[in-house]
């Protein structure tokens, strides 16, 4: 494969998604804000990332994919630095929102360049791309070690420097100019809506199961950070299975992996919940990797716009699973499993040569 510098950048990019999660108690205590505002911190990032996916794709059609990717990483670098030197709570929120904006400029452009560089191994390349996100997520969840050893400000500056490095090593990548009209492609819309439930249930499991286990099962499982690390580790392995998409029918593989990446959530009602988590991590990540590959088929250098559309739909629809899951109480896994499977019916409407 080609594009190892993008894989490196994907790892650093992913750290920014997770590094503040274990630091939330420190932020709440240091800035003297109510505990019920803790969830606003990650939300500010998701708001920036989710709302800017499509606008960032438009920007890349004007500036080129390489330039947009590098600009996004520089923005994320600046955000990490500013978060490290923040003195009031609202600055954390603003600067983390900005990090999300930068992240939106990286995802689809990085994937598009990889798809272009690895035309005959798109599923493999995008599978590894997703695996590197999981690896970066694990590092991000353990970034608290640097916080404790060096201090929050210094560790944030270190992340800023690493993000600048990730930008610099990708300056030599091709600057693909994408056609914005590809946004009207029906297949991208269909695959985005069809896979939104599979995307959504993954984050419901990762973020709500620890609370579910405590309040409904009456058990105290691993700490949330350790639990999420298990999910991410199995996801990393699942992404590496992306090569299967280059060796068999992608749609069949997508359906199988989507079902296996959703239905095992029902095991979270049982003592076999760890097995359920591992299976979900493996096959959910494989499913999303194949989603990205299918969205890229026949798009050539324009695949970045399709990927941005798919990711935007995944985030906008899939993020609704968390409030829905909270509202239905102990029916959470039954309801979210059903909701993740139903949209897959739309795959019948896909018209692609896979």
Protein backbone atom coordinates (compact mmCIF):
# COMPACT_ATOMS: atom_id res chain seq x y z
CA UNK A 1 0.00 0.00 0.00
CA UNK A 2 0.89 3.64 -0.42
CA UNK A 3 0.22 6.55 1.92
CA UNK A 4 1.89 5.56 5.18
CA UNK A 5 2.20 9.21 6.22
CA UNK A 6 -1.60 9.46 6.08
CA UNK A 7 -1.89 6.44 8.37
CA UNK A 8 0.45 8.21 10.81
CA UNK A 9 -1.67 11.37 10.60
CA UNK A 10 -4.82 9.29 11.17
CA UNK A 11 -3.36 8.05 14.49
CA UNK A 12 -2.52 11.58 15.66
CA UNK A 13 -5.90 12.85 14.44
CA UNK A 14 -7.68 10.15 16.45
CA UNK A 15 -5.89 11.14 19.66
CA UNK A 16 -7.72 14.48 19.51
CA UNK A 17 -11.04 12.64 19.53
CA UNK A 18 -10.32 10.98 22.86
CA UNK A 19 -7.56 12.72 24.83
CA UNK A 20 -9.86 15.05 26.76
CA UNK A 21 -12.21 12.24 27.88
CA UNK A 22 -10.07 11.02 30.82
CA UNK A 23 -9.16 14.65 31.63
CA UNK A 24 -12.78 15.74 32.10
CA UNK A 25 -12.69 15.36 35.92
CA UNK A 26 -9.55 17.53 36.00
CA UNK A 27 -11.17 20.17 33.77
CA UNK A 28 -14.37 20.20 35.86
CA UNK A 29 -12.39 20.59 39.10
CA UNK A 30 -9.86 23.11 37.78
CA UNK A 31 -12.36 25.42 36.12
CA UNK A 32 -14.94 25.00 38.90
CA UNK A 33 -17.93 24.13 36.70
CA UNK A 34 -20.97 21.93 37.52
CA UNK A 35 -20.57 18.21 36.90
CA UNK A 36 -23.62 18.19 34.65
CA UNK A 37 -21.62 20.22 32.10
CA UNK A 38 -19.10 17.39 31.63
CA UNK A 39 -20.89 16.07 28.54
CA UNK A 40 -20.69 19.46 26.84
CA UNK A 41 -16.93 19.01 26.38
CA UNK A 42 -17.02 16.07 23.92
CA UNK A 43 -20.24 17.44 22.42
CA UNK A 44 -18.43 20.62 21.38
CA UNK A 45 -15.99 18.52 19.32
CA UNK A 46 -18.73 16.39 17.73
CA UNK A 47 -20.69 19.54 16.88
CA UNK A 48 -17.69 20.98 15.06
CA UNK A 49 -16.90 17.74 13.26
CA UNK A 50 -20.45 16.73 12.34
CA UNK A 51 -21.66 20.14 11.18
CA UNK A 52 -18.61 20.81 9.00
CA UNK A 53 -18.30 17.51 7.08
CA UNK A 54 -20.15 18.75 3.98
CA UNK A 55 -18.75 22.33 4.07
CA UNK A 56 -15.25 20.87 4.40
CA UNK A 57 -15.87 18.70 1.34
CA UNK A 58 -16.84 21.86 -0.57
CA UNK A 59 -13.65 23.56 0.63
CA UNK A 60 -11.60 20.60 -0.59
CA UNK A 61 -13.22 20.89 -4.04
CA UNK A 62 -11.75 24.39 -4.21
CA UNK A 63 -8.41 24.04 -2.39
CA UNK A 64 -7.66 20.42 -3.27
CA UNK A 65 -7.62 17.39 -0.98
CA UNK A 66 -3.97 17.65 0.12
CA UNK A 67 -4.22 21.33 0.97
CA UNK A 68 -7.46 20.80 2.89
CA UNK A 69 -6.02 17.85 4.81
CA UNK A 70 -2.90 19.80 5.81
CA UNK A 71 -4.97 22.87 6.75
CA UNK A 72 -7.24 20.71 8.90
CA UNK A 73 -4.28 19.26 10.79
CA UNK A 74 -2.82 22.73 11.38
CA UNK A 75 -6.18 23.84 12.79
CA UNK A 76 -6.26 20.80 15.09
CA UNK A 77 -2.70 21.57 16.18
CA UNK A 78 -3.61 25.16 17.03
CA UNK A 79 -6.65 23.93 18.94
CA UNK A 80 -4.60 21.54 21.12
CA UNK A 81 -2.16 24.34 21.95
CA UNK A 82 -4.94 26.79 22.84
CA UNK A 83 -6.72 24.20 24.99
CA UNK A 84 -3.47 23.70 26.89
CA UNK A 85 -3.22 27.39 27.74
CA UNK A 86 -6.94 28.01 28.35
CA UNK A 87 -7.83 29.87 31.53
CA UNK A 88 -11.66 29.68 31.52
CA UNK A 89 -14.05 26.82 30.77
CA UNK A 90 -15.77 28.34 27.73
CA UNK A 91 -12.37 28.61 26.01
CA UNK A 92 -12.03 24.82 26.27
CA UNK A 93 -15.39 24.43 24.54
CA UNK A 94 -14.62 26.93 21.78
CA UNK A 95 -11.17 25.52 21.06
CA UNK A 96 -12.41 21.90 21.11
CA UNK A 97 -15.16 22.90 18.67
CA UNK A 98 -12.40 24.29 16.45
CA UNK A 99 -10.58 20.96 16.74
CA UNK A 100 -13.74 19.28 15.42
CA UNK A 101 -13.79 21.67 12.46
CA UNK A 102 -10.19 20.76 11.68
CA UNK A 103 -11.03 17.06 12.03
CA UNK A 104 -13.83 17.41 9.48
CA UNK A 105 -11.25 18.69 6.98
CA UNK A 106 -9.05 15.64 7.48
CA UNK A 107 -11.32 12.58 7.39
CA UNK A 108 -12.71 12.50 3.85
CA UNK A 109 -9.63 14.04 2.22
CA UNK A 110 -7.29 11.55 3.85
CA UNK A 111 -9.52 8.65 2.81
CA UNK A 112 -9.86 10.03 -0.74
CA UNK A 113 -6.09 10.28 -1.20
CA UNK A 114 -5.65 6.73 0.08
CA UNK A 115 -8.34 5.44 -2.28
CA UNK A 116 -6.61 7.23 -5.17
CA UNK A 117 -3.17 5.86 -4.25
CA UNK A 118 -4.49 2.31 -3.75
CA UNK A 119 -7.01 1.88 -6.56
CA UNK A 120 -6.81 -1.91 -6.58
CA UNK A 121 -6.84 -2.25 -2.78
CA UNK A 122 -9.37 0.33 -1.66
CA UNK A 123 -11.04 -1.86 0.99
CA UNK A 124 -7.67 -2.87 2.40
CA UNK A 125 -6.39 0.70 2.56
CA UNK A 126 -9.55 2.11 4.13
CA UNK A 127 -9.68 -0.81 6.58
CA UNK A 128 -6.18 0.05 7.79
CA UNK A 129 -7.23 3.72 7.84
CA UNK A 130 -9.99 2.82 10.31
CA UNK A 131 -7.64 0.60 12.31
CA UNK A 132 -5.28 3.52 12.78
CA UNK A 133 -8.20 5.54 14.14
CA UNK A 134 -8.82 2.85 16.77
CA UNK A 135 -5.11 2.77 17.63
CA UNK A 136 -5.04 6.54 18.02
CA UNK A 137 -8.17 6.31 20.16
CA UNK A 138 -6.45 3.91 22.56
CA UNK A 139 -3.48 6.27 22.79
CA UNK A 140 -5.85 9.19 23.36
CA UNK A 141 -7.66 7.43 26.18
CA UNK A 142 -4.30 6.89 27.87
CA UNK A 143 -3.07 10.45 27.23
CA UNK A 144 -3.95 11.07 30.87
CA UNK A 145 -0.61 9.45 31.73
CA UNK A 146 1.20 12.40 30.14
CA UNK A 147 -1.20 14.79 31.85
CA UNK A 148 -0.26 13.33 35.23
CA UNK A 149 3.48 13.17 34.54
CA UNK A 150 4.02 16.48 32.71
CA UNK A 151 0.92 18.51 33.44
CA UNK A 152 -2.16 19.16 31.30
CA UNK A 153 -0.71 22.19 29.51
CA UNK A 154 2.56 20.55 28.47
CA UNK A 155 0.88 17.33 27.31
CA UNK A 156 -1.50 19.42 25.17
CA UNK A 157 1.44 21.25 23.61
CA UNK A 158 3.06 17.87 22.84
CA UNK A 159 -0.09 16.81 20.99
CA UNK A 160 0.00 20.14 19.14
CA UNK A 161 3.57 19.48 17.99
CA UNK A 162 2.76 15.92 16.88
CA UNK A 163 -0.21 17.22 14.87
CA UNK A 164 2.01 19.77 13.11
CA UNK A 165 4.42 16.95 12.29
CA UNK A 166 1.53 14.92 10.86
CA UNK A 167 0.67 17.87 8.61
CA UNK A 168 4.25 18.40 7.43
CA UNK A 169 4.86 14.77 6.42
CA UNK A 170 1.80 14.90 4.15
CA UNK A 171 2.70 18.04 2.21
CA UNK A 172 4.01 15.89 -0.66
CA UNK A 173 0.71 14.07 -1.25
CA UNK A 174 -1.27 14.63 -4.48
CA UNK A 175 -3.61 17.62 -4.33
CA UNK A 176 -6.74 16.13 -5.90
CA UNK A 177 -9.31 18.61 -7.19
CA UNK A 178 -12.74 17.08 -6.68
CA UNK A 179 -15.95 17.83 -8.57
CA UNK A 180 -18.53 19.21 -6.13
CA UNK A 181 -21.41 17.94 -8.31
CA UNK A 182 -20.71 14.41 -7.05
CA UNK A 183 -22.60 15.44 -3.89
CA UNK A 184 -25.80 14.66 -5.84
CA UNK A 185 -24.83 10.99 -6.22
CA UNK A 186 -27.76 8.87 -4.97
CA UNK A 187 -25.57 5.93 -3.97
CA UNK A 188 -23.69 8.06 -1.45
CA UNK A 189 -26.95 9.14 0.15
CA UNK A 190 -28.28 5.57 0.26
CA UNK A 191 -25.14 4.06 1.76
CA UNK A 192 -24.92 6.88 4.30
CA UNK A 193 -28.48 6.38 5.57
CA UNK A 194 -28.29 2.57 5.38
CA UNK A 195 -25.15 2.41 7.53
CA UNK A 196 -26.10 5.14 10.02
CA UNK A 197 -27.60 2.64 12.46
CA UNK A 198 -24.50 0.45 12.44
CA UNK A 199 -22.38 3.54 13.08
CA UNK A 200 -24.74 4.70 15.83
CA UNK A 201 -24.97 1.47 17.84
CA UNK A 202 -21.17 1.34 18.11
CA UNK A 203 -21.05 4.62 20.00
CA UNK A 204 -24.06 3.70 22.14
CA UNK A 205 -22.22 0.57 23.27
CA UNK A 206 -18.98 2.44 23.86
CA UNK A 207 -20.49 5.28 25.86
CA UNK A 208 -23.60 3.90 27.59
CA UNK A 209 -22.85 0.27 28.48
CA UNK A 210 -20.79 1.05 31.61
CA UNK A 211 -23.76 2.96 33.04
CA UNK A 212 -26.20 0.26 31.90
CA UNK A 213 -24.14 -2.43 33.63
CA UNK A 214 -24.12 -0.50 36.89
CA UNK A 215 -27.78 0.53 37.03
CA UNK A 216 -29.56 -2.39 35.34
CA UNK A 217 -27.25 -5.37 35.79
CA UNK A 218 -26.01 -4.34 39.20
CA UNK A 219 -22.37 -4.99 38.34
CA UNK A 220 -19.36 -2.71 38.38
CA UNK A 221 -17.41 -3.50 35.23
CA UNK A 222 -14.07 -2.08 34.18
CA UNK A 223 -13.57 1.65 34.34
CA UNK A 224 -15.06 3.42 31.33
CA UNK A 225 -11.65 4.17 29.81
CA UNK A 226 -10.53 0.54 30.05
CA UNK A 227 -13.85 -0.69 28.67
CA UNK A 228 -13.65 1.63 25.67
CA UNK A 229 -10.06 0.48 25.09
CA UNK A 230 -11.29 -3.11 24.70
CA UNK A 231 -13.86 -1.97 22.15
CA UNK A 232 -11.24 0.05 20.26
CA UNK A 233 -8.69 -2.77 20.32
CA UNK A 234 -11.16 -5.19 18.74
CA UNK A 235 -12.08 -2.43 16.28
CA UNK A 236 -8.45 -2.07 15.30
CA UNK A 237 -8.35 -5.77 14.44
CA UNK A 238 -11.66 -5.46 12.59
CA UNK A 239 -10.31 -2.70 10.40
CA UNK A 240 -7.42 -4.91 9.39
CA UNK A 241 -9.97 -7.37 7.97
CA UNK A 242 -10.83 -4.75 5.35
CA UNK A 243 -8.79 -6.71 2.78
CA UNK A 244 -11.73 -9.13 2.56
CA UNK A 245 -13.59 -6.43 0.65
CA UNK A 246 -11.01 -6.71 -2.14
CA UNK A 247 -11.52 -10.47 -2.37
CA UNK A 248 -15.29 -10.98 -2.24
CA UNK A 249 -18.60 -9.28 -3.03
CA UNK A 250 -18.58 -6.03 -1.05
CA UNK A 251 -22.35 -5.78 -0.60
CA UNK A 252 -22.68 -9.31 0.78
CA UNK A 253 -19.74 -8.68 3.10
CA UNK A 254 -21.27 -5.37 4.14
CA UNK A 255 -24.58 -7.01 5.08
CA UNK A 256 -22.93 -9.86 7.00
CA UNK A 257 -20.50 -7.60 8.87
CA UNK A 258 -23.27 -5.07 9.65
CA UNK A 259 -25.44 -7.77 11.21
CA UNK A 260 -22.52 -9.17 13.19
CA UNK A 261 -21.57 -5.63 14.18
CA UNK A 262 -25.03 -4.93 15.63
CA UNK A 263 -26.90 -8.05 16.80
CA UNK A 264 -24.26 -9.09 19.42
CA UNK A 265 -25.38 -6.01 21.39
CA UNK A 266 -28.05 -8.37 22.74
CA UNK A 267 -25.25 -10.21 24.57
CA UNK A 268 -24.87 -7.11 26.73
CA UNK A 269 -27.89 -8.36 28.67
CA UNK A 270 -25.91 -11.44 29.69
CA UNK A 271 -22.73 -12.48 31.46
CA UNK A 272 -21.14 -12.81 28.02
CA UNK A 273 -21.06 -9.03 27.53
CA UNK A 274 -17.29 -8.95 26.95
CA UNK A 275 -17.72 -11.40 24.06
CA UNK A 276 -20.46 -9.19 22.67
CA UNK A 277 -18.22 -6.13 22.89
CA UNK A 278 -15.36 -7.87 21.07
CA UNK A 279 -17.61 -9.17 18.28
CA UNK A 280 -19.19 -5.74 17.83
CA UNK A 281 -15.76 -4.09 17.67
CA UNK A 282 -14.46 -6.55 15.09
CA UNK A 283 -17.39 -6.58 12.67
CA UNK A 284 -18.72 -3.06 13.16
CA UNK A 285 -15.33 -1.66 12.13
CA UNK A 286 -15.16 -4.05 9.17
CA UNK A 287 -18.66 -2.94 8.16
CA UNK A 288 -17.81 0.77 8.23
CA UNK A 289 -14.59 0.10 6.31
CA UNK A 290 -16.61 -1.61 3.56
CA UNK A 291 -19.11 1.28 3.65
CA UNK A 292 -16.28 3.69 2.85
CA UNK A 293 -15.00 1.41 0.10
CA UNK A 294 -18.45 1.12 -1.53
CA UNK A 295 -18.91 4.89 -1.30
CA UNK A 296 -15.60 5.31 -3.16
CA UNK A 297 -16.40 2.93 -6.03
CA UNK A 298 -16.42 4.66 -9.39
CA UNK A 299 -15.76 8.09 -7.88
CA UNK A 300 -12.04 8.28 -8.62
CA UNK A 301 -10.57 11.51 -7.30
CA UNK A 302 -14.08 12.63 -6.26
CA UNK A 303 -14.45 9.96 -3.57
CA UNK A 304 -13.69 12.46 -0.80
CA UNK A 305 -17.00 14.27 -1.35
CA UNK A 306 -18.94 10.99 -1.24
CA UNK A 307 -17.14 9.97 1.95
CA UNK A 308 -17.91 13.32 3.56
CA UNK A 309 -21.60 12.90 2.71
CA UNK A 310 -21.65 9.36 4.09
CA UNK A 311 -19.86 10.37 7.29
CA UNK A 312 -22.13 13.37 7.78
CA UNK A 313 -25.26 11.21 7.47
CA UNK A 314 -23.74 8.63 9.83
CA UNK A 315 -23.07 11.27 12.47
CA UNK A 316 -26.34 13.20 12.12
CA UNK A 317 -28.55 10.08 12.18
CA UNK A 318 -26.38 7.76 14.27
CA UNK A 319 -25.90 10.29 17.07
CA UNK A 320 -29.67 10.14 17.71
CA UNK A 321 -29.21 6.60 19.03
CA UNK A 322 -27.75 7.85 22.31
CA UNK A 323 -30.75 9.92 23.46
CA UNK A 324 -33.08 7.19 22.15
CA UNK A 325 -31.10 4.56 24.06
CA UNK A 326 -31.29 6.62 27.24
CA UNK A 327 -35.05 7.10 26.92
CA UNK A 328 -35.93 3.39 26.52
CA UNK A 329 -34.09 2.32 29.69
CA UNK A 330 -33.28 -1.38 29.95
CA UNK A 331 -34.69 -1.96 26.45
CA UNK A 332 -31.71 -0.05 25.04
CA UNK A 333 -29.96 -2.97 23.33
CA UNK A 334 -33.12 -4.48 21.85
CA UNK A 335 -34.31 -1.13 20.50
CA UNK A 336 -30.97 0.08 19.13
CA UNK A 337 -30.26 -3.32 17.54
CA UNK A 338 -33.57 -3.23 15.68
CA UNK A 339 -33.02 0.40 14.63
CA UNK A 340 -29.51 -0.40 13.36
CA UNK A 341 -30.72 -3.30 11.21
CA UNK A 342 -33.82 -1.77 9.57
CA UNK A 343 -31.97 0.85 7.42
CA UNK A 344 -29.87 -1.94 5.84
CA UNK A 345 -32.91 -2.70 3.67
CA UNK A 346 -31.94 0.38 1.63
CA UNK A 347 -28.85 -1.47 0.35
CA UNK A 348 -31.15 -3.14 -2.18
CA UNK A 349 -31.41 0.23 -3.92
CA UNK A 350 -27.65 0.55 -4.45
CA UNK A 351 -26.53 0.53 -8.05
CA UNK A 352 -22.81 -0.14 -7.98
CA UNK A 353 -20.51 -2.61 -9.65
CA UNK A 354 -18.73 -4.37 -6.81
